[in-house]
Amino acid sequence: MSNTIQFEDFTKVDLRIGTIIEVKDFPEARNPAFQLTIDFGGLGVKKTSAQITTIYNKEDLLNKQIVAVVNFPKKQIANFMSECLVVGAVKEKDVFLLNPEQKVPNGTSVN
């Protein structure tokens, strides 16, 4: 188990539901990755990269709802600016994206 945090620390993390609306290959990334464009409803559209090419193909990801952290600062990854962080479960080196069981409005908060 990692370090214990206070509830107030957790409340600073803004987890939201978004729908992937575009998926591109990211050959400039150090490790195999996709560039994702995600619609977060009223929060707007954000981009990120994700090292999920061993589990998913582009067609699987398009229109998939996912969970992402939307309040991290932007981060430069190769020639790309990441604006959010998709959340997934890690098994060995594979990342399985977290998603709601049923479709919910984009931008819905995860508590």
PDB file of N, CA and C in Angstrom:
ATOM      1  N   MET A   1       0.850  -1.182   0.000  1.00  0.00           N
ATOM      2  CA  MET A   1       0.000   0.000   0.000  1.00  0.00           C
ATOM      3  C   MET A   1       0.889   1.237   0.000  1.00  0.00           C
ATOM      4  N   SER A   2       0.470   2.238  -0.751  1.00  0.00           N
ATOM      5  CA  SER A   2       1.267   3.461  -0.826  1.00  0.00           C
ATOM      6  C   SER A   2       1.002   4.354   0.384  1.00  0.00           C
ATOM      7  N   ASN A   3       1.616   5.511   0.385  1.00  0.00           N
ATOM      8  CA  ASN A   3       1.463   6.444   1.496  1.00  0.00           C
ATOM      9  C   ASN A   3       0.008   6.839   1.710  1.00  0.00           C
ATOM     10  N   THR A   4      -0.377   6.980   2.953  1.00  0.00           N
ATOM     11  CA  THR A   4      -1.716   7.423   3.295  1.00  0.00           C
ATOM     12  C   THR A   4      -1.859   8.902   2.990  1.00  0.00           C
ATOM     13  N   ILE A   5      -3.000   9.271   2.395  1.00  0.00           N
ATOM     14  CA  ILE A   5      -3.275  10.685   2.124  1.00  0.00           C
ATOM     15  C   ILE A   5      -4.510  11.099   2.913  1.00  0.00           C
ATOM     16  N   GLN A   6      -4.705  12.378   3.013  1.00  0.00           N
ATOM     17  CA  GLN A   6      -5.888  12.921   3.665  1.00  0.00           C
ATOM     18  C   GLN A   6      -7.019  13.024   2.642  1.00  0.00           C
ATOM     19  N   PHE A   7      -8.251  12.992   3.125  1.00  0.00           N
ATOM     20  CA  PHE A   7      -9.403  13.103   2.228  1.00  0.00           C
ATOM     21  C   PHE A   7      -9.321  14.374   1.396  1.00  0.00           C
ATOM     22  N   GLU A   8      -8.839  15.442   1.982  1.00  0.00           N
ATOM     23  CA  GLU A   8      -8.713  16.722   1.275  1.00  0.00           C
ATOM     24  C   GLU A   8      -7.769  16.592   0.074  1.00  0.00           C
ATOM     25  N   ASP A   9      -6.735  15.739   0.179  1.00  0.00           N
ATOM     26  CA  ASP A   9      -5.835  15.502  -0.950  1.00  0.00           C
ATOM     27  C   ASP A   9      -6.601  14.861  -2.105  1.00  0.00           C
ATOM     28  N   PHE A  10      -7.432  13.873  -1.800  1.00  0.00           N
ATOM     29  CA  PHE A  10      -8.210  13.194  -2.825  1.00  0.00           C
ATOM     30  C   PHE A  10      -9.184  14.143  -3.517  1.00  0.00           C
ATOM     31  N   THR A  11      -9.789  15.028  -2.753  1.00  0.00           N
ATOM     32  CA  THR A  11     -10.785  15.930  -3.338  1.00  0.00           C
ATOM     33  C   THR A  11     -10.161  16.918  -4.321  1.00  0.00           C
ATOM     34  N   LYS A  12      -8.859  17.068  -4.316  1.00  0.00           N
ATOM     35  CA  LYS A  12      -8.177  17.943  -5.277  1.00  0.00           C
ATOM     36  C   LYS A  12      -8.098  17.324  -6.666  1.00  0.00           C
ATOM     37  N   VAL A  13      -8.236  16.001  -6.755  1.00  0.00           N
ATOM     38  CA  VAL A  13      -8.145  15.304  -8.037  1.00  0.00           C
ATOM     39  C   VAL A  13      -9.509  15.366  -8.721  1.00  0.00           C
ATOM     40  N   ASP A  14      -9.560  15.956  -9.913  1.00  0.00           N
ATOM     41  CA  ASP A  14     -10.808  16.102 -10.656  1.00  0.00           C
ATOM     42  C   ASP A  14     -10.894  14.984 -11.697  1.00  0.00           C
ATOM     43  N   LEU A  15     -11.613  13.922 -11.344  1.00  0.00           N
ATOM     44  CA  LEU A  15     -11.832  12.791 -12.242  1.00  0.00           C
ATOM     45  C   LEU A  15     -13.151  12.992 -12.977  1.00  0.00           C
ATOM     46  N   ARG A  16     -13.114  12.870 -14.305  1.00  0.00           N
ATOM     47  CA  ARG A  16     -14.316  13.085 -15.107  1.00  0.00           C
ATOM     48  C   ARG A  16     -14.463  12.002 -16.168  1.00  0.00           C
ATOM     49  N   ILE A  17     -15.692  11.848 -16.633  1.00  0.00           N
ATOM     50  CA  ILE A  17     -15.993  10.943 -17.735  1.00  0.00           C
ATOM     51  C   ILE A  17     -15.897  11.727 -19.038  1.00  0.00           C
ATOM     52  N   GLY A  18     -15.245  11.108 -20.009  1.00  0.00           N
ATOM     53  CA  GLY A  18     -15.155  11.700 -21.342  1.00  0.00           C
ATOM     54  C   GLY A  18     -15.283  10.626 -22.398  1.00  0.00           C
ATOM     55  N   THR A  19     -15.572  11.050 -23.621  1.00  0.00           N
ATOM     56  CA  THR A  19     -15.681  10.135 -24.747  1.00  0.00           C
ATOM     57  C   THR A  19     -14.545  10.410 -25.718  1.00  0.00           C
ATOM     58  N   ILE A  20     -13.833   9.351 -26.091  1.00  0.00           N
ATOM     59  CA  ILE A  20     -12.738   9.482 -27.057  1.00  0.00           C
ATOM     60  C   ILE A  20     -13.339   9.738 -28.433  1.00  0.00           C
ATOM     61  N   ILE A  21     -12.988  10.877 -29.034  1.00  0.00           N
ATOM     62  CA  ILE A  21     -13.559  11.243 -30.329  1.00  0.00           C
ATOM     63  C   ILE A  21     -12.552  11.166 -31.474  1.00  0.00           C
ATOM     64  N   GLU A  22     -11.268  11.004 -31.138  1.00  0.00           N
ATOM     65  CA  GLU A  22     -10.258  10.847 -32.173  1.00  0.00           C
ATOM     66  C   GLU A  22      -9.077  10.068 -31.601  1.00  0.00           C
ATOM     67  N   VAL A  23      -8.520   9.181 -32.415  1.00  0.00           N
ATOM     68  CA  VAL A  23      -7.364   8.376 -32.021  1.00  0.00           C
ATOM     69  C   VAL A  23      -6.354   8.423 -33.157  1.00  0.00           C
ATOM     70  N   LYS A  24      -5.115   8.790 -32.823  1.00  0.00           N
ATOM     71  CA  LYS A  24      -4.050   8.846 -33.815  1.00  0.00           C
ATOM     72  C   LYS A  24      -2.850   8.051 -33.315  1.00  0.00           C
ATOM     73  N   ASP A  25      -2.078   7.508 -34.254  1.00  0.00           N
ATOM     74  CA  ASP A  25      -0.804   6.910 -33.903  1.00  0.00           C
ATOM     75  C   ASP A  25       0.126   8.005 -33.396  1.00  0.00           C
ATOM     76  N   PHE A  26       1.076   7.641 -32.547  1.00  0.00           N
ATOM     77  CA  PHE A  26       2.019   8.604 -31.974  1.00  0.00           C
ATOM     78  C   PHE A  26       3.436   8.046 -32.131  1.00  0.00           C
ATOM     79  N   PRO A  27       3.953   8.043 -33.366  1.00  0.00           N
ATOM     80  CA  PRO A  27       5.269   7.443 -33.607  1.00  0.00           C
ATOM     81  C   PRO A  27       6.426   8.166 -32.923  1.00  0.00           C
ATOM     82  N   GLU A  28       6.248   9.430 -32.548  1.00  0.00           N
ATOM     83  CA  GLU A  28       7.319  10.187 -31.895  1.00  0.00           C
ATOM     84  C   GLU A  28       7.480   9.839 -30.414  1.00  0.00           C
ATOM     85  N   ALA A  29       6.510   9.152 -29.846  1.00  0.00           N
ATOM     86  CA  ALA A  29       6.577   8.783 -28.423  1.00  0.00           C
ATOM     87  C   ALA A  29       7.707   7.788 -28.190  1.00  0.00           C
ATOM     88  N   ARG A  30       8.314   7.864 -27.032  1.00  0.00           N
ATOM     89  CA  ARG A  30       9.408   6.957 -26.655  1.00  0.00           C
ATOM     90  C   ARG A  30       8.939   5.503 -26.628  1.00  0.00           C
ATOM     91  N   ASN A  31       7.746   5.280 -26.070  1.00  0.00           N
ATOM     92  CA  ASN A  31       7.129   3.949 -26.036  1.00  0.00           C
ATOM     93  C   ASN A  31       5.872   3.983 -26.900  1.00  0.00           C
ATOM     94  N   PRO A  32       5.457   2.846 -27.477  1.00  0.00           N
ATOM     95  CA  PRO A  32       4.266   2.846 -28.326  1.00  0.00           C
ATOM     96  C   PRO A  32       3.068   3.467 -27.613  1.00  0.00           C
ATOM     97  N   ALA A  33       2.401   4.399 -28.306  1.00  0.00           N
ATOM     98  CA  ALA A  33       1.287   5.130 -27.702  1.00  0.00           C
ATOM     99  C   ALA A  33       0.341   5.633 -28.777  1.00  0.00           C
ATOM    100  N   PHE A  34      -0.846   6.019 -28.320  1.00  0.00           N
ATOM    101  CA  PHE A  34      -1.816   6.708 -29.162  1.00  0.00           C
ATOM    102  C   PHE A  34      -1.973   8.134 -28.657  1.00  0.00           C
ATOM    103  N   GLN A  35      -2.325   9.042 -29.558  1.00  0.00           N
ATOM    104  CA  GLN A  35      -2.790  10.377 -29.181  1.00  0.00           C
ATOM    105  C   GLN A  35      -4.312  10.297 -29.159  1.00  0.00           C
ATOM    106  N   LEU A  36      -4.904  10.704 -28.042  1.00  0.00           N
ATOM    107  CA  LEU A  36      -6.352  10.656 -27.872  1.00  0.00           C
ATOM    108  C   LEU A  36      -6.914  12.065 -27.771  1.00  0.00           C
ATOM    109  N   THR A  37      -8.028  12.296 -28.430  1.00  0.00           N
ATOM    110  CA  THR A  37      -8.797  13.528 -28.267  1.00  0.00           C
ATOM    111  C   THR A  37     -10.090  13.120 -27.574  1.00  0.00           C
ATOM    112  N   ILE A  38     -10.377  13.775 -26.433  1.00  0.00           N
ATOM    113  CA  ILE A  38     -11.474  13.348 -25.560  1.00  0.00           C
ATOM    114  C   ILE A  38     -12.435  14.506 -25.321  1.00  0.00           C
ATOM    115  N   ASP A  39     -13.726  14.232 -25.499  1.00  0.00           N
ATOM    116  CA  ASP A  39     -14.781  15.223 -25.275  1.00  0.00           C
ATOM    117  C   ASP A  39     -15.268  15.093 -23.832  1.00  0.00           C
ATOM    118  N   PHE A  40     -15.102  16.180 -23.057  1.00  0.00           N
ATOM    119  CA  PHE A  40     -15.550  16.214 -21.667  1.00  0.00           C
ATOM    120  C   PHE A  40     -16.785  17.102 -21.494  1.00  0.00           C
ATOM    121  N   GLY A  41     -17.619  17.182 -22.506  1.00  0.00           N
ATOM    122  CA  GLY A  41     -18.851  17.953 -22.410  1.00  0.00           C
ATOM    123  C   GLY A  41     -18.575  19.412 -22.142  1.00  0.00           C
ATOM    124  N   GLY A  42     -19.182  19.964 -21.086  1.00  0.00           N
ATOM    125  CA  GLY A  42     -19.036  21.369 -20.738  1.00  0.00           C
ATOM    126  C   GLY A  42     -17.617  21.787 -20.400  1.00  0.00           C
ATOM    127  N   LEU A  43     -16.742  20.829 -20.086  1.00  0.00           N
ATOM    128  CA  LEU A  43     -15.342  21.146 -19.799  1.00  0.00           C
ATOM    129  C   LEU A  43     -14.525  21.305 -21.071  1.00  0.00           C
ATOM    130  N   GLY A  44     -15.108  20.920 -22.200  1.00  0.00           N
ATOM    131  CA  GLY A  44     -14.417  21.057 -23.476  1.00  0.00           C
ATOM    132  C   GLY A  44     -13.727  19.776 -23.916  1.00  0.00           C
ATOM    133  N   VAL A  45     -12.896  19.928 -24.935  1.00  0.00           N
ATOM    134  CA  VAL A  45     -12.156  18.815 -25.528  1.00  0.00           C
ATOM    135  C   VAL A  45     -10.704  18.911 -25.086  1.00  0.00           C
ATOM    136  N   LYS A  46     -10.148  17.780 -24.654  1.00  0.00           N
ATOM    137  CA  LYS A  46      -8.755  17.742 -24.214  1.00  0.00           C
ATOM    138  C   LYS A  46      -8.034  16.613 -24.936  1.00  0.00           C
ATOM    139  N   LYS A  47      -6.714  16.764 -25.039  1.00  0.00           N
ATOM    140  CA  LYS A  47      -5.878  15.750 -25.695  1.00  0.00           C
ATOM    141  C   LYS A  47      -4.918  15.140 -24.687  1.00  0.00           C
ATOM    142  N   THR A  48      -4.569  13.892 -24.959  1.00  0.00           N
ATOM    143  CA  THR A  48      -3.584  13.201 -24.142  1.00  0.00           C
ATOM    144  C   THR A  48      -2.946  12.099 -24.971  1.00  0.00           C
ATOM    145  N   SER A  49      -1.885  11.534 -24.445  1.00  0.00           N
ATOM    146  CA  SER A  49      -1.317  10.334 -25.062  1.00  0.00           C
ATOM    147  C   SER A  49      -1.437   9.207 -24.050  1.00  0.00           C
ATOM    148  N   ALA A  50      -1.520   7.993 -24.574  1.00  0.00           N
ATOM    149  CA  ALA A  50      -1.680   6.838 -23.690  1.00  0.00           C
ATOM    150  C   ALA A  50      -0.946   5.639 -24.270  1.00  0.00           C
ATOM    151  N   GLN A  51      -0.185   4.972 -23.419  1.00  0.00           N
ATOM    152  CA  GLN A  51       0.565   3.778 -23.816  1.00  0.00           C
ATOM    153  C   GLN A  51      -0.337   2.558 -23.655  1.00  0.00           C
ATOM    154  N   ILE A  52      -1.294   2.439 -24.561  1.00  0.00           N
ATOM    155  CA  ILE A  52      -2.307   1.383 -24.470  1.00  0.00           C
ATOM    156  C   ILE A  52      -2.405   0.582 -25.769  1.00  0.00           C
ATOM    157  N   THR A  53      -1.351   0.609 -26.565  1.00  0.00           N
ATOM    158  CA  THR A  53      -1.397  -0.014 -27.886  1.00  0.00           C
ATOM    159  C   THR A  53      -1.352  -1.544 -27.839  1.00  0.00           C
ATOM    160  N   THR A  54      -0.949  -2.140 -26.725  1.00  0.00           N
ATOM    161  CA  THR A  54      -0.903  -3.606 -26.663  1.00  0.00           C
ATOM    162  C   THR A  54      -2.276  -4.207 -26.396  1.00  0.00           C
ATOM    163  N   ILE A  55      -3.178  -3.450 -25.801  1.00  0.00           N
ATOM    164  CA  ILE A  55      -4.509  -3.949 -25.457  1.00  0.00           C
ATOM    165  C   ILE A  55      -5.569  -3.467 -26.440  1.00  0.00           C
ATOM    166  N   TYR A  56      -5.445  -2.226 -26.896  1.00  0.00           N
ATOM    167  CA  TYR A  56      -6.480  -1.598 -27.715  1.00  0.00           C
ATOM    168  C   TYR A  56      -5.971  -1.281 -29.116  1.00  0.00           C
ATOM    169  N   ASN A  57      -6.901  -1.306 -30.078  1.00  0.00           N
ATOM    170  CA  ASN A  57      -6.595  -0.740 -31.384  1.00  0.00           C
ATOM    171  C   ASN A  57      -7.429   0.529 -31.528  1.00  0.00           C
ATOM    172  N   LYS A  58      -7.145   1.308 -32.541  1.00  0.00           N
ATOM    173  CA  LYS A  58      -7.811   2.609 -32.685  1.00  0.00           C
ATOM    174  C   LYS A  58      -9.327   2.471 -32.783  1.00  0.00           C
ATOM    175  N   GLU A  59      -9.792   1.445 -33.479  1.00  0.00           N
ATOM    176  CA  GLU A  59     -11.234   1.266 -33.652  1.00  0.00           C
ATOM    177  C   GLU A  59     -11.927   0.955 -32.321  1.00  0.00           C
ATOM    178  N   ASP A  60     -11.253   0.194 -31.439  1.00  0.00           N
ATOM    179  CA  ASP A  60     -11.813  -0.123 -30.117  1.00  0.00           C
ATOM    180  C   ASP A  60     -12.000   1.136 -29.272  1.00  0.00           C
ATOM    181  N   LEU A  61     -11.113   2.093 -29.443  1.00  0.00           N
ATOM    182  CA  LEU A  61     -11.098   3.275 -28.587  1.00  0.00           C
ATOM    183  C   LEU A  61     -12.075   4.357 -29.035  1.00  0.00           C
ATOM    184  N   LEU A  62     -12.312   4.452 -30.321  1.00  0.00           N
ATOM    185  CA  LEU A  62     -13.178   5.507 -30.839  1.00  0.00           C
ATOM    186  C   LEU A  62     -14.576   5.389 -30.248  1.00  0.00           C
ATOM    187  N   ASN A  63     -15.085   6.473 -29.675  1.00  0.00           N
ATOM    188  CA  ASN A  63     -16.403   6.589 -29.037  1.00  0.00           C
ATOM    189  C   ASN A  63     -16.501   5.845 -27.707  1.00  0.00           C
ATOM    190  N   LYS A  64     -15.379   5.417 -27.142  1.00  0.00           N
ATOM    191  CA  LYS A  64     -15.364   4.746 -25.832  1.00  0.00           C
ATOM    192  C   LYS A  64     -15.353   5.803 -24.731  1.00  0.00           C
ATOM    193  N   GLN A  65     -16.191   5.612 -23.731  1.00  0.00           N
ATOM    194  CA  GLN A  65     -16.145   6.495 -22.566  1.00  0.00           C
ATOM    195  C   GLN A  65     -15.056   6.009 -21.624  1.00  0.00           C
ATOM    196  N   ILE A  66     -14.341   6.972 -21.040  1.00  0.00           N
ATOM    197  CA  ILE A  66     -13.224   6.658 -20.155  1.00  0.00           C
ATOM    198  C   ILE A  66     -13.257   7.582 -18.945  1.00  0.00           C
ATOM    199  N   VAL A  67     -12.410   7.282 -17.969  1.00  0.00           N
ATOM    200  CA  VAL A  67     -12.204   8.139 -16.799  1.00  0.00           C
ATOM    201  C   VAL A  67     -10.848   8.820 -16.962  1.00  0.00           C
ATOM    202  N   ALA A  68     -10.797  10.119 -16.662  1.00  0.00           N
ATOM    203  CA  ALA A  68      -9.529  10.839 -16.774  1.00  0.00           C
ATOM    204  C   ALA A  68      -9.426  11.911 -15.693  1.00  0.00           C
ATOM    205  N   VAL A  69      -8.189  12.216 -15.323  1.00  0.00           N
ATOM    206  CA  VAL A  69      -7.906  13.351 -14.450  1.00  0.00           C
ATOM    207  C   VAL A  69      -7.795  14.567 -15.365  1.00  0.00           C
ATOM    208  N   VAL A  70      -8.597  15.594 -15.088  1.00  0.00           N
ATOM    209  CA  VAL A  70      -8.637  16.756 -15.990  1.00  0.00           C
ATOM    210  C   VAL A  70      -7.991  18.010 -15.407  1.00  0.00           C
ATOM    211  N   ASN A  71      -7.458  17.931 -14.174  1.00  0.00           N
ATOM    212  CA  ASN A  71      -6.896  19.147 -13.580  1.00  0.00           C
ATOM    213  C   ASN A  71      -5.396  19.065 -13.322  1.00  0.00           C
ATOM    214  N   PHE A  72      -4.693  18.222 -14.072  1.00  0.00           N
ATOM    215  CA  PHE A  72      -3.230  18.260 -14.052  1.00  0.00           C
ATOM    216  C   PHE A  72      -2.757  19.395 -14.953  1.00  0.00           C
ATOM    217  N   PRO A  73      -1.580  19.949 -14.699  1.00  0.00           N
ATOM    218  CA  PRO A  73      -1.043  20.931 -15.649  1.00  0.00           C
ATOM    219  C   PRO A  73      -0.677  20.226 -16.960  1.00  0.00           C
ATOM    220  N   LYS A  74      -0.660  20.984 -18.045  1.00  0.00           N
ATOM    221  CA  LYS A  74      -0.270  20.434 -19.341  1.00  0.00           C
ATOM    222  C   LYS A  74       1.155  19.898 -19.257  1.00  0.00           C
ATOM    223  N   LYS A  75       1.435  18.836 -20.038  1.00  0.00           N
ATOM    224  CA  LYS A  75       2.752  18.219 -20.025  1.00  0.00           C
ATOM    225  C   LYS A  75       3.193  17.924 -21.451  1.00  0.00           C
ATOM    226  N   GLN A  76       4.415  18.335 -21.766  1.00  0.00           N
ATOM    227  CA  GLN A  76       4.988  18.082 -23.083  1.00  0.00           C
ATOM    228  C   GLN A  76       5.462  16.634 -23.160  1.00  0.00           C
ATOM    229  N   ILE A  77       4.981  15.897 -24.164  1.00  0.00           N
ATOM    230  CA  ILE A  77       5.421  14.529 -24.420  1.00  0.00           C
ATOM    231  C   ILE A  77       5.851  14.489 -25.880  1.00  0.00           C
ATOM    232  N   ALA A  78       7.163  14.392 -26.094  1.00  0.00           N
ATOM    233  CA  ALA A  78       7.745  14.496 -27.445  1.00  0.00           C
ATOM    234  C   ALA A  78       7.277  15.811 -28.055  1.00  0.00           C
ATOM    235  N   ASN A  79       6.616  15.766 -29.210  1.00  0.00           N
ATOM    236  CA  ASN A  79       6.159  16.990 -29.872  1.00  0.00           C
ATOM    237  C   ASN A  79       4.682  17.261 -29.611  1.00  0.00           C
ATOM    238  N   PHE A  80       4.146  16.732 -28.518  1.00  0.00           N
ATOM    239  CA  PHE A  80       2.707  16.747 -28.236  1.00  0.00           C
ATOM    240  C   PHE A  80       2.467  17.287 -26.831  1.00  0.00           C
ATOM    241  N   MET A  81       1.404  18.083 -26.660  1.00  0.00           N
ATOM    242  CA  MET A  81       1.054  18.632 -25.355  1.00  0.00           C
ATOM    243  C   MET A  81      -0.135  17.856 -24.773  1.00  0.00           C
ATOM    244  N   SER A  82       0.112  17.133 -23.677  1.00  0.00           N
ATOM    245  CA  SER A  82      -0.931  16.362 -23.011  1.00  0.00           C
ATOM    246  C   SER A  82      -1.685  17.266 -22.038  1.00  0.00           C
ATOM    247  N   GLU A  83      -3.022  17.177 -22.054  1.00  0.00           N
ATOM    248  CA  GLU A  83      -3.856  18.063 -21.245  1.00  0.00           C
ATOM    249  C   GLU A  83      -4.652  17.346 -20.158  1.00  0.00           C
ATOM    250  N   CYS A  84      -4.602  16.023 -20.133  1.00  0.00           N
ATOM    251  CA  CYS A  84      -5.304  15.244 -19.113  1.00  0.00           C
ATOM    252  C   CYS A  84      -4.615  13.888 -18.997  1.00  0.00           C
ATOM    253  N   LEU A  85      -5.086  13.054 -18.083  1.00  0.00           N
ATOM    254  CA  LEU A  85      -4.482  11.742 -17.858  1.00  0.00           C
ATOM    255  C   LEU A  85      -5.582  10.697 -17.773  1.00  0.00           C
ATOM    256  N   VAL A  86      -5.617   9.763 -18.729  1.00  0.00           N
ATOM    257  CA  VAL A  86      -6.604   8.687 -18.652  1.00  0.00           C
ATOM    258  C   VAL A  86      -6.211   7.747 -17.514  1.00  0.00           C
ATOM    259  N   VAL A  87      -7.214   7.121 -16.910  1.00  0.00           N
ATOM    260  CA  VAL A  87      -7.006   6.280 -15.743  1.00  0.00           C
ATOM    261  C   VAL A  87      -7.270   4.828 -16.124  1.00  0.00           C
ATOM    262  N   GLY A  88      -6.382   3.954 -15.667  1.00  0.00           N
ATOM    263  CA  GLY A  88      -6.554   2.546 -15.977  1.00  0.00           C
ATOM    264  C   GLY A  88      -5.979   1.650 -14.907  1.00  0.00           C
ATOM    265  N   ALA A  89      -6.359   0.388 -14.988  1.00  0.00           N
ATOM    266  CA  ALA A  89      -5.814  -0.643 -14.112  1.00  0.00           C
ATOM    267  C   ALA A  89      -4.620  -1.265 -14.820  1.00  0.00           C
ATOM    268  N   VAL A  90      -3.523  -1.454 -14.081  1.00  0.00           N
ATOM    269  CA  VAL A  90      -2.293  -1.978 -14.677  1.00  0.00           C
ATOM    270  C   VAL A  90      -2.131  -3.441 -14.269  1.00  0.00           C
ATOM    271  N   LYS A  91      -1.996  -4.282 -15.285  1.00  0.00           N
ATOM    272  CA  LYS A  91      -1.724  -5.707 -15.077  1.00  0.00           C
ATOM    273  C   LYS A  91      -0.453  -6.010 -15.844  1.00  0.00           C
ATOM    274  N   GLU A  92       0.599  -6.320 -15.095  1.00  0.00           N
ATOM    275  CA  GLU A  92       1.931  -6.457 -15.668  1.00  0.00           C
ATOM    276  C   GLU A  92       2.276  -5.140 -16.356  1.00  0.00           C
ATOM    277  N   LYS A  93       2.424  -5.099 -17.668  1.00  0.00           N
ATOM    278  CA  LYS A  93       2.732  -3.826 -18.338  1.00  0.00           C
ATOM    279  C   LYS A  93       1.556  -3.293 -19.133  1.00  0.00           C
ATOM    280  N   ASP A  94       0.416  -3.977 -19.081  1.00  0.00           N
ATOM    281  CA  ASP A  94      -0.757  -3.564 -19.846  1.00  0.00           C
ATOM    282  C   ASP A  94      -1.661  -2.668 -19.002  1.00  0.00           C
ATOM    283  N   VAL A  95      -2.250  -1.668 -19.659  1.00  0.00           N
ATOM    284  CA  VAL A  95      -3.163  -0.741 -18.994  1.00  0.00           C
ATOM    285  C   VAL A  95      -4.567  -0.968 -19.546  1.00  0.00           C
ATOM    286  N   PHE A  96      -5.510  -1.252 -18.647  1.00  0.00           N
ATOM    287  CA  PHE A  96      -6.903  -1.450 -19.002  1.00  0.00           C
ATOM    288  C   PHE A  96      -7.680  -0.212 -18.555  1.00  0.00           C
ATOM    289  N   LEU A  97      -8.206   0.539 -19.513  1.00  0.00           N
ATOM    290  CA  LEU A  97      -8.880   1.793 -19.207  1.00  0.00           C
ATOM    291  C   LEU A  97     -10.115   1.571 -18.338  1.00  0.00           C
ATOM    292  N   LEU A  98     -10.308   2.467 -17.377  1.00  0.00           N
ATOM    293  CA  LEU A  98     -11.511   2.437 -16.552  1.00  0.00           C
ATOM    294  C   LEU A  98     -12.619   3.167 -17.300  1.00  0.00           C
ATOM    295  N   ASN A  99     -13.830   2.634 -17.202  1.00  0.00           N
ATOM    296  CA  ASN A  99     -14.955   3.278 -17.871  1.00  0.00           C
ATOM    297  C   ASN A  99     -16.246   2.960 -17.130  1.00  0.00           C
ATOM    298  N   PRO A 100     -17.264   3.816 -17.296  1.00  0.00           N
ATOM    299  CA  PRO A 100     -18.542   3.551 -16.619  1.00  0.00           C
ATOM    300  C   PRO A 100     -19.241   2.348 -17.254  1.00  0.00           C
ATOM    301  N   GLU A 101     -20.055   1.646 -16.449  1.00  0.00           N
ATOM    302  CA  GLU A 101     -20.792   0.492 -16.953  1.00  0.00           C
ATOM    303  C   GLU A 101     -21.868   0.900 -17.945  1.00  0.00           C
ATOM    304  N   GLN A 102     -22.430   2.085 -17.749  1.00  0.00           N
ATOM    305  CA  GLN A 102     -23.465   2.600 -18.650  1.00  0.00           C
ATOM    306  C   GLN A 102     -23.027   3.963 -19.155  1.00  0.00           C
ATOM    307  N   LYS A 103     -23.553   4.373 -20.307  1.00  0.00           N
ATOM    308  CA  LYS A 103     -23.217   5.677 -20.863  1.00  0.00           C
ATOM    309  C   LYS A 103     -23.754   6.778 -19.933  1.00  0.00           C
ATOM    310  N   VAL A 104     -22.899   7.745 -19.642  1.00  0.00           N
ATOM    311  CA  VAL A 104     -23.265   8.897 -18.824  1.00  0.00           C
ATOM    312  C   VAL A 104     -22.852  10.156 -19.572  1.00  0.00           C
ATOM    313  N   PRO A 105     -23.375  11.308 -19.196  1.00  0.00           N
ATOM    314  CA  PRO A 105     -23.010  12.533 -19.896  1.00  0.00           C
ATOM    315  C   PRO A 105     -21.502  12.822 -19.759  1.00  0.00           C
ATOM    316  N   ASN A 106     -20.901  13.266 -20.863  1.00  0.00           N
ATOM    317  CA  ASN A 106     -19.495  13.667 -20.810  1.00  0.00           C
ATOM    318  C   ASN A 106     -19.323  14.799 -19.813  1.00  0.00           C
ATOM    319  N   GLY A 107     -18.250  14.737 -19.045  1.00  0.00           N
ATOM    320  CA  GLY A 107     -17.997  15.734 -18.021  1.00  0.00           C
ATOM    321  C   GLY A 107     -18.501  15.340 -16.650  1.00  0.00           C
ATOM    322  N   THR A 108     -19.217  14.210 -16.561  1.00  0.00           N
ATOM    323  CA  THR A 108     -19.721  13.752 -15.270  1.00  0.00           C
ATOM    324  C   THR A 108     -18.556  13.527 -14.315  1.00  0.00           C
ATOM    325  N   SER A 109     -18.707  14.002 -13.094  1.00  0.00           N
ATOM    326  CA  SER A 109     -17.681  13.869 -12.072  1.00  0.00           C
ATOM    327  C   SER A 109     -17.662  12.450 -11.517  1.00  0.00           C
ATOM    328  N   VAL A 110     -16.460  11.955 -11.220  1.00  0.00           N
ATOM    329  CA  VAL A 110     -16.294  10.647 -10.594  1.00  0.00           C
ATOM    330  C   VAL A 110     -15.924  10.900  -9.139  1.00  0.00           C
ATOM    331  N   ASN A 111     -16.719  10.355  -8.228  1.00  0.00           N
ATOM    332  CA  ASN A 111     -16.501  10.569  -6.790  1.00  0.00           C
ATOM    333  C   ASN A 111     -16.064   9.295  -6.113  1.00  0.00           C
TER     334      ASN A 111
END
